[in-house]
PDB file of N, CA and C in Angstrom:
ATOM      1  N   UNK A   1     107.549 -30.949 112.425  1.00  0.00           N
ATOM      2  CA  UNK A   1     107.834 -30.430 113.749  1.00  0.00           C
ATOM      3  C   UNK A   1     108.827 -31.371 114.431  1.00  0.00           C
ATOM      4  N   UNK A   2     109.913 -30.812 114.912  1.00  0.00           N
ATOM      5  CA  UNK A   2     110.904 -31.611 115.631  1.00  0.00           C
ATOM      6  C   UNK A   2     110.625 -31.575 117.127  1.00  0.00           C
ATOM      7  N   UNK A   3     110.984 -32.674 117.797  1.00  0.00           N
ATOM      8  CA  UNK A   3     110.755 -32.786 119.232  1.00  0.00           C
ATOM      9  C   UNK A   3     111.894 -33.611 119.829  1.00  0.00           C
ATOM     10  N   UNK A   4     112.394 -33.158 120.963  1.00  0.00           N
ATOM     11  CA  UNK A   4     113.446 -33.860 121.699  1.00  0.00           C
ATOM     12  C   UNK A   4     112.947 -34.050 123.130  1.00  0.00           C
ATOM     13  N   UNK A   5     113.341 -35.157 123.755  1.00  0.00           N
ATOM     14  CA  UNK A   5     112.934 -35.452 125.127  1.00  0.00           C
ATOM     15  C   UNK A   5     114.128 -35.914 125.930  1.00  0.00           C
ATOM     16  N   UNK A   6     114.223 -35.420 127.170  1.00  0.00           N
ATOM     17  CA  UNK A   6     115.241 -35.893 128.103  1.00  0.00           C
ATOM     18  C   UNK A   6     114.552 -36.237 129.418  1.00  0.00           C
ATOM     19  N   UNK A   7     114.763 -37.457 129.878  1.00  0.00           N
ATOM     20  CA  UNK A   7     114.172 -37.923 131.140  1.00  0.00           C
ATOM     21  C   UNK A   7     115.101 -37.555 132.292  1.00  0.00           C
ATOM     22  N   UNK A   8     114.740 -36.527 133.046  1.00  0.00           N
ATOM     23  CA  UNK A   8     115.533 -36.109 134.205  1.00  0.00           C
ATOM     24  C   UNK A   8     114.952 -36.724 135.473  1.00  0.00           C
ATOM     25  N   UNK A   9     115.645 -36.548 136.590  1.00  0.00           N
ATOM     26  CA  UNK A   9     115.134 -37.068 137.862  1.00  0.00           C
ATOM     27  C   UNK A   9     113.861 -36.342 138.293  1.00  0.00           C
ATOM     28  N   UNK A  10     113.620 -35.136 137.774  1.00  0.00           N
ATOM     29  CA  UNK A  10     112.408 -34.379 138.099  1.00  0.00           C
ATOM     30  C   UNK A  10     111.254 -34.698 137.150  1.00  0.00           C
ATOM     31  N   UNK A  11     111.548 -35.419 136.066  1.00  0.00           N
ATOM     32  CA  UNK A  11     110.537 -35.733 135.073  1.00  0.00           C
ATOM     33  C   UNK A  11     111.039 -35.373 133.696  1.00  0.00           C
ATOM     34  N   UNK A  12     110.260 -35.656 132.662  1.00  0.00           N
ATOM     35  CA  UNK A  12     110.718 -35.409 131.294  1.00  0.00           C
ATOM     36  C   UNK A  12     110.698 -33.924 130.920  1.00  0.00           C
ATOM     37  N   UNK A  13     111.757 -33.519 130.248  1.00  0.00           N
ATOM     38  CA  UNK A  13     111.836 -32.202 129.624  1.00  0.00           C
ATOM     39  C   UNK A  13     111.720 -32.421 128.123  1.00  0.00           C
ATOM     40  N   UNK A  14     111.061 -31.515 127.450  1.00  0.00           N
ATOM     41  CA  UNK A  14     110.898 -31.605 126.008  1.00  0.00           C
ATOM     42  C   UNK A  14     111.388 -30.308 125.376  1.00  0.00           C
ATOM     43  N   UNK A  15     111.888 -30.424 124.172  1.00  0.00           N
ATOM     44  CA  UNK A  15     112.137 -29.253 123.333  1.00  0.00           C
ATOM     45  C   UNK A  15     111.304 -29.497 122.084  1.00  0.00           C
ATOM     46  N   UNK A  16     110.358 -28.610 121.851  1.00  0.00           N
ATOM     47  CA  UNK A  16     109.449 -28.786 120.716  1.00  0.00           C
ATOM     48  C   UNK A  16     109.548 -27.591 119.770  1.00  0.00           C
ATOM     49  N   UNK A  17     109.429 -27.886 118.495  1.00  0.00           N
ATOM     50  CA  UNK A  17     109.467 -26.838 117.478  1.00  0.00           C
ATOM     51  C   UNK A  17     108.046 -26.431 117.133  1.00  0.00           C
ATOM     52  N   UNK A  18     107.811 -25.148 117.080  1.00  0.00           N
ATOM     53  CA  UNK A  18     106.514 -24.624 116.672  1.00  0.00           C
ATOM     54  C   UNK A  18     106.760 -23.304 115.954  1.00  0.00           C
ATOM     55  N   UNK A  19     106.302 -23.197 114.744  1.00  0.00           N
ATOM     56  CA  UNK A  19     106.436 -21.981 113.937  1.00  0.00           C
ATOM     57  C   UNK A  19     107.900 -21.543 113.844  1.00  0.00           C
ATOM     58  N   UNK A  20     108.775 -22.517 113.594  1.00  0.00           N
ATOM     59  CA  UNK A  20     110.206 -22.290 113.402  1.00  0.00           C
ATOM     60  C   UNK A  20     110.924 -21.739 114.633  1.00  0.00           C
ATOM     61  N   UNK A  21     110.341 -21.961 115.817  1.00  0.00           N
ATOM     62  CA  UNK A  21     110.939 -21.569 117.091  1.00  0.00           C
ATOM     63  C   UNK A  21     110.928 -22.800 117.985  1.00  0.00           C
ATOM     64  N   UNK A  22     111.964 -22.953 118.813  1.00  0.00           N
ATOM     65  CA  UNK A  22     112.073 -24.113 119.699  1.00  0.00           C
ATOM     66  C   UNK A  22     111.757 -23.700 121.130  1.00  0.00           C
ATOM     67  N   UNK A  23     110.881 -24.482 121.760  1.00  0.00           N
ATOM     68  CA  UNK A  23     110.416 -24.180 123.110  1.00  0.00           C
ATOM     69  C   UNK A  23     110.790 -25.320 124.059  1.00  0.00           C
ATOM     70  N   UNK A  24     111.545 -25.034 125.137  1.00  0.00           N
ATOM     71  CA  UNK A  24     111.698 -26.037 126.173  1.00  0.00           C
ATOM     72  C   UNK A  24     110.402 -26.095 126.987  1.00  0.00           C
ATOM     73  N   UNK A  25     109.971 -27.313 127.294  1.00  0.00           N
ATOM     74  CA  UNK A  25     108.694 -27.512 127.990  1.00  0.00           C
ATOM     75  C   UNK A  25     108.900 -28.502 129.134  1.00  0.00           C
ATOM     76  N   UNK A  26     108.309 -28.179 130.303  1.00  0.00           N
ATOM     77  CA  UNK A  26     108.337 -29.088 131.448  1.00  0.00           C
ATOM     78  C   UNK A  26     106.962 -29.057 132.083  1.00  0.00           C
ATOM     79  N   UNK A  27     106.347 -30.214 132.218  1.00  0.00           N
ATOM     80  CA  UNK A  27     105.014 -30.364 132.811  1.00  0.00           C
ATOM     81  C   UNK A  27     104.000 -29.395 132.192  1.00  0.00           C
ATOM     82  N   UNK A  28     104.077 -29.230 130.877  1.00  0.00           N
ATOM     83  CA  UNK A  28     103.135 -28.376 130.173  1.00  0.00           C
ATOM     84  C   UNK A  28     103.455 -26.889 130.226  1.00  0.00           C
ATOM     85  N   UNK A  29     104.527 -26.509 130.913  1.00  0.00           N
ATOM     86  CA  UNK A  29     104.922 -25.106 131.030  1.00  0.00           C
ATOM     87  C   UNK A  29     106.004 -24.789 130.007  1.00  0.00           C
ATOM     88  N   UNK A  30     105.782 -23.755 129.230  1.00  0.00           N
ATOM     89  CA  UNK A  30     106.782 -23.297 128.266  1.00  0.00           C
ATOM     90  C   UNK A  30     107.827 -22.470 129.012  1.00  0.00           C
ATOM     91  N   UNK A  31     109.093 -22.795 128.795  1.00  0.00           N
ATOM     92  CA  UNK A  31     110.178 -22.180 129.551  1.00  0.00           C
ATOM     93  C   UNK A  31     110.991 -21.189 128.728  1.00  0.00           C
ATOM     94  N   UNK A  32     110.520 -20.822 127.570  1.00  0.00           N
ATOM     95  CA  UNK A  32     111.229 -19.867 126.733  1.00  0.00           C
ATOM     96  C   UNK A  32     111.022 -20.174 125.266  1.00  0.00           C
ATOM     97  N   UNK A  33     111.713 -19.396 124.427  1.00  0.00           N
ATOM     98  CA  UNK A  33     111.657 -19.568 122.975  1.00  0.00           C
ATOM     99  C   UNK A  33     113.048 -19.296 122.419  1.00  0.00           C
ATOM    100  N   UNK A  34     113.507 -20.176 121.537  1.00  0.00           N
ATOM    101  CA  UNK A  34     114.881 -20.128 121.042  1.00  0.00           C
ATOM    102  C   UNK A  34     114.913 -20.331 119.528  1.00  0.00           C
ATOM    103  N   UNK A  35     115.931 -19.783 118.865  1.00  0.00           N
ATOM    104  CA  UNK A  35     116.028 -19.951 117.418  1.00  0.00           C
ATOM    105  C   UNK A  35     116.418 -21.359 116.986  1.00  0.00           C
ATOM    106  N   UNK A  36     117.086 -22.114 117.880  1.00  0.00           N
ATOM    107  CA  UNK A  36     117.468 -23.493 117.567  1.00  0.00           C
ATOM    108  C   UNK A  36     117.239 -24.382 118.784  1.00  0.00           C
ATOM    109  N   UNK A  37     117.107 -25.680 118.526  1.00  0.00           N
ATOM    110  CA  UNK A  37     116.974 -26.643 119.619  1.00  0.00           C
ATOM    111  C   UNK A  37     118.245 -26.654 120.461  1.00  0.00           C
ATOM    112  N   UNK A  38     119.398 -26.454 119.829  1.00  0.00           N
ATOM    113  CA  UNK A  38     120.662 -26.450 120.564  1.00  0.00           C
ATOM    114  C   UNK A  38     120.719 -25.304 121.573  1.00  0.00           C
ATOM    115  N   UNK A  39     120.245 -24.129 121.201  1.00  0.00           N
ATOM    116  CA  UNK A  39     120.200 -23.008 122.148  1.00  0.00           C
ATOM    117  C   UNK A  39     119.320 -23.354 123.349  1.00  0.00           C
ATOM    118  N   UNK A  40     118.186 -23.986 123.092  1.00  0.00           N
ATOM    119  CA  UNK A  40     117.276 -24.377 124.176  1.00  0.00           C
ATOM    120  C   UNK A  40     117.944 -25.390 125.099  1.00  0.00           C
ATOM    121  N   UNK A  41     118.612 -26.386 124.532  1.00  0.00           N
ATOM    122  CA  UNK A  41     119.290 -27.405 125.347  1.00  0.00           C
ATOM    123  C   UNK A  41     120.409 -26.784 126.170  1.00  0.00           C
ATOM    124  N   UNK A  42     121.169 -25.873 125.576  1.00  0.00           N
ATOM    125  CA  UNK A  42     122.251 -25.204 126.303  1.00  0.00           C
ATOM    126  C   UNK A  42     121.716 -24.452 127.515  1.00  0.00           C
ATOM    127  N   UNK A  43     120.653 -23.680 127.317  1.00  0.00           N
ATOM    128  CA  UNK A  43     120.108 -22.907 128.430  1.00  0.00           C
ATOM    129  C   UNK A  43     119.478 -23.792 129.495  1.00  0.00           C
ATOM    130  N   UNK A  44     118.805 -24.866 129.098  1.00  0.00           N
ATOM    131  CA  UNK A  44     118.267 -25.805 130.088  1.00  0.00           C
ATOM    132  C   UNK A  44     119.392 -26.423 130.912  1.00  0.00           C
ATOM    133  N   UNK A  45     120.451 -26.851 130.251  1.00  0.00           N
ATOM    134  CA  UNK A  45     121.571 -27.500 130.940  1.00  0.00           C
ATOM    135  C   UNK A  45     122.217 -26.567 131.966  1.00  0.00           C
ATOM    136  N   UNK A  46     122.222 -25.280 131.658  1.00  0.00           N
ATOM    137  CA  UNK A  46     122.860 -24.313 132.547  1.00  0.00           C
ATOM    138  C   UNK A  46     121.870 -23.606 133.471  1.00  0.00           C
ATOM    139  N   UNK A  47     120.612 -24.004 133.415  1.00  0.00           N
ATOM    140  CA  UNK A  47     119.599 -23.416 134.292  1.00  0.00           C
ATOM    141  C   UNK A  47     119.228 -21.994 133.910  1.00  0.00           C
ATOM    142  N   UNK A  48     119.405 -21.636 132.650  1.00  0.00           N
ATOM    143  CA  UNK A  48     119.112 -20.267 132.194  1.00  0.00           C
ATOM    144  C   UNK A  48     117.800 -20.224 131.417  1.00  0.00           C
ATOM    145  N   UNK A  49     116.721 -20.628 132.060  1.00  0.00           N
ATOM    146  CA  UNK A  49     115.400 -20.551 131.438  1.00  0.00           C
ATOM    147  C   UNK A  49     114.458 -19.887 132.425  1.00  0.00           C
ATOM    148  N   UNK A  50     113.231 -19.679 131.991  1.00  0.00           N
ATOM    149  CA  UNK A  50     112.192 -19.260 132.922  1.00  0.00           C
ATOM    150  C   UNK A  50     112.153 -20.308 134.037  1.00  0.00           C
ATOM    151  N   UNK A  51     111.792 -19.914 135.241  1.00  0.00           N
ATOM    152  CA  UNK A  51     111.767 -20.849 136.371  1.00  0.00           C
ATOM    153  C   UNK A  51     111.015 -22.130 136.038  1.00  0.00           C
ATOM    154  N   UNK A  52     111.636 -23.248 136.397  1.00  0.00           N
ATOM    155  CA  UNK A  52     111.043 -24.562 136.166  1.00  0.00           C
ATOM    156  C   UNK A  52     110.159 -24.896 137.367  1.00  0.00           C
ATOM    157  N   UNK A  53     108.865 -25.139 137.141  1.00  0.00           N
ATOM    158  CA  UNK A  53     107.949 -25.421 138.253  1.00  0.00           C
ATOM    159  C   UNK A  53     108.420 -26.595 139.110  1.00  0.00           C
ATOM    160  N   UNK A  54     108.515 -26.369 140.424  1.00  0.00           N
ATOM    161  CA  UNK A  54     108.879 -27.425 141.354  1.00  0.00           C
ATOM    162  C   UNK A  54     110.358 -27.774 141.389  1.00  0.00           C
ATOM    163  N   UNK A  55     111.185 -27.017 140.684  1.00  0.00           N
ATOM    164  CA  UNK A  55     112.624 -27.290 140.629  1.00  0.00           C
ATOM    165  C   UNK A  55     113.364 -26.034 141.070  1.00  0.00           C
ATOM    166  N   UNK A  56     114.142 -26.159 142.141  1.00  0.00           N
ATOM    167  CA  UNK A  56     114.856 -24.998 142.656  1.00  0.00           C
ATOM    168  C   UNK A  56     116.017 -24.589 141.754  1.00  0.00           C
ATOM    169  N   UNK A  57     116.787 -25.574 141.272  1.00  0.00           N
ATOM    170  CA  UNK A  57     117.965 -25.289 140.447  1.00  0.00           C
ATOM    171  C   UNK A  57     118.002 -26.265 139.276  1.00  0.00           C
ATOM    172  N   UNK A  58     117.533 -25.840 138.121  1.00  0.00           N
ATOM    173  CA  UNK A  58     117.476 -26.718 136.952  1.00  0.00           C
ATOM    174  C   UNK A  58     118.866 -27.196 136.539  1.00  0.00           C
ATOM    175  N   UNK A  59     119.884 -26.389 136.780  1.00  0.00           N
ATOM    176  CA  UNK A  59     121.250 -26.780 136.411  1.00  0.00           C
ATOM    177  C   UNK A  59     121.706 -28.020 137.178  1.00  0.00           C
ATOM    178  N   UNK A  60     121.118 -28.285 138.336  1.00  0.00           N
ATOM    179  CA  UNK A  60     121.513 -29.434 139.148  1.00  0.00           C
ATOM    180  C   UNK A  60     120.909 -30.753 138.661  1.00  0.00           C
ATOM    181  N   UNK A  61     120.046 -30.709 137.659  1.00  0.00           N
ATOM    182  CA  UNK A  61     119.363 -31.920 137.185  1.00  0.00           C
ATOM    183  C   UNK A  61     120.201 -32.750 136.223  1.00  0.00           C
ATOM    184  N   UNK A  62     121.325 -32.227 135.787  1.00  0.00           N
ATOM    185  CA  UNK A  62     122.176 -32.985 134.871  1.00  0.00           C
ATOM    186  C   UNK A  62     121.630 -33.071 133.464  1.00  0.00           C
ATOM    187  N   UNK A  63     120.848 -32.091 133.054  1.00  0.00           N
ATOM    188  CA  UNK A  63     120.312 -32.073 131.692  1.00  0.00           C
ATOM    189  C   UNK A  63     121.480 -31.828 130.735  1.00  0.00           C
ATOM    190  N   UNK A  64     121.665 -32.697 129.757  1.00  0.00           N
ATOM    191  CA  UNK A  64     122.817 -32.541 128.866  1.00  0.00           C
ATOM    192  C   UNK A  64     122.606 -31.451 127.816  1.00  0.00           C
ATOM    193  N   UNK A  65     123.654 -30.664 127.541  1.00  0.00           N
ATOM    194  CA  UNK A  65     123.538 -29.691 126.469  1.00  0.00           C
ATOM    195  C   UNK A  65     123.648 -30.332 125.083  1.00  0.00           C
ATOM    196  N   UNK A  66     124.152 -31.548 125.029  1.00  0.00           N
ATOM    197  CA  UNK A  66     124.340 -32.268 123.761  1.00  0.00           C
ATOM    198  C   UNK A  66     123.026 -32.914 123.332  1.00  0.00           C
ATOM    199  N   UNK A  67     122.438 -32.430 122.244  1.00  0.00           N
ATOM    200  CA  UNK A  67     121.163 -32.993 121.770  1.00  0.00           C
ATOM    201  C   UNK A  67     121.273 -34.459 121.403  1.00  0.00           C
ATOM    202  N   UNK A  68     122.484 -34.947 121.171  1.00  0.00           N
ATOM    203  CA  UNK A  68     122.682 -36.360 120.892  1.00  0.00           C
ATOM    204  C   UNK A  68     122.311 -37.254 122.069  1.00  0.00           C
ATOM    205  N   UNK A  69     122.241 -36.667 123.263  1.00  0.00           N
ATOM    206  CA  UNK A  69     121.854 -37.412 124.459  1.00  0.00           C
ATOM    207  C   UNK A  69     120.351 -37.293 124.761  1.00  0.00           C
ATOM    208  N   UNK A  70     119.638 -36.566 123.939  1.00  0.00           N
ATOM    209  CA  UNK A  70     118.192 -36.442 124.062  1.00  0.00           C
ATOM    210  C   UNK A  70     117.559 -37.454 123.114  1.00  0.00           C
ATOM    211  N   UNK A  71     116.354 -37.895 123.431  1.00  0.00           N
ATOM    212  CA  UNK A  71     115.622 -38.789 122.543  1.00  0.00           C
ATOM    213  C   UNK A  71     114.901 -37.958 121.499  1.00  0.00           C
ATOM    214  N   UNK A  72     114.948 -38.436 120.266  1.00  0.00           N
ATOM    215  CA  UNK A  72     114.259 -37.764 119.180  1.00  0.00           C
ATOM    216  C   UNK A  72     113.582 -38.810 118.307  1.00  0.00           C
ATOM    217  N   UNK A  73     112.313 -38.604 117.970  1.00  0.00           N
ATOM    218  CA  UNK A  73     111.639 -39.591 117.114  1.00  0.00           C
ATOM    219  C   UNK A  73     112.224 -39.659 115.713  1.00  0.00           C
ATOM    220  N   UNK A  74     113.072 -38.683 115.369  1.00  0.00           N
ATOM    221  CA  UNK A  74     113.646 -38.647 114.029  1.00  0.00           C
ATOM    222  C   UNK A  74     115.075 -39.147 113.997  1.00  0.00           C
ATOM    223  N   UNK A  75     115.546 -39.751 115.078  1.00  0.00           N
ATOM    224  CA  UNK A  75     116.856 -40.332 114.996  1.00  0.00           C
ATOM    225  C   UNK A  75     117.756 -39.997 116.091  1.00  0.00           C
TER     226      UNK A  75
END
């Protein structure tokens, strides 16, 4: 299972793989399902996910679409 983490000013966002699908997660809330981690990161960066709890505009958080800027336990 792959997992990516980005520490935003609102708190950590995660992209986790489960059953060959990637889910962006914030504070335990699943924000969608994507075929790749890159698709999930792109939509998070542009604010195109299910509403993020406690965040009015996710696009304003500066979440990078480049997975190379996310932390990953695998490198």
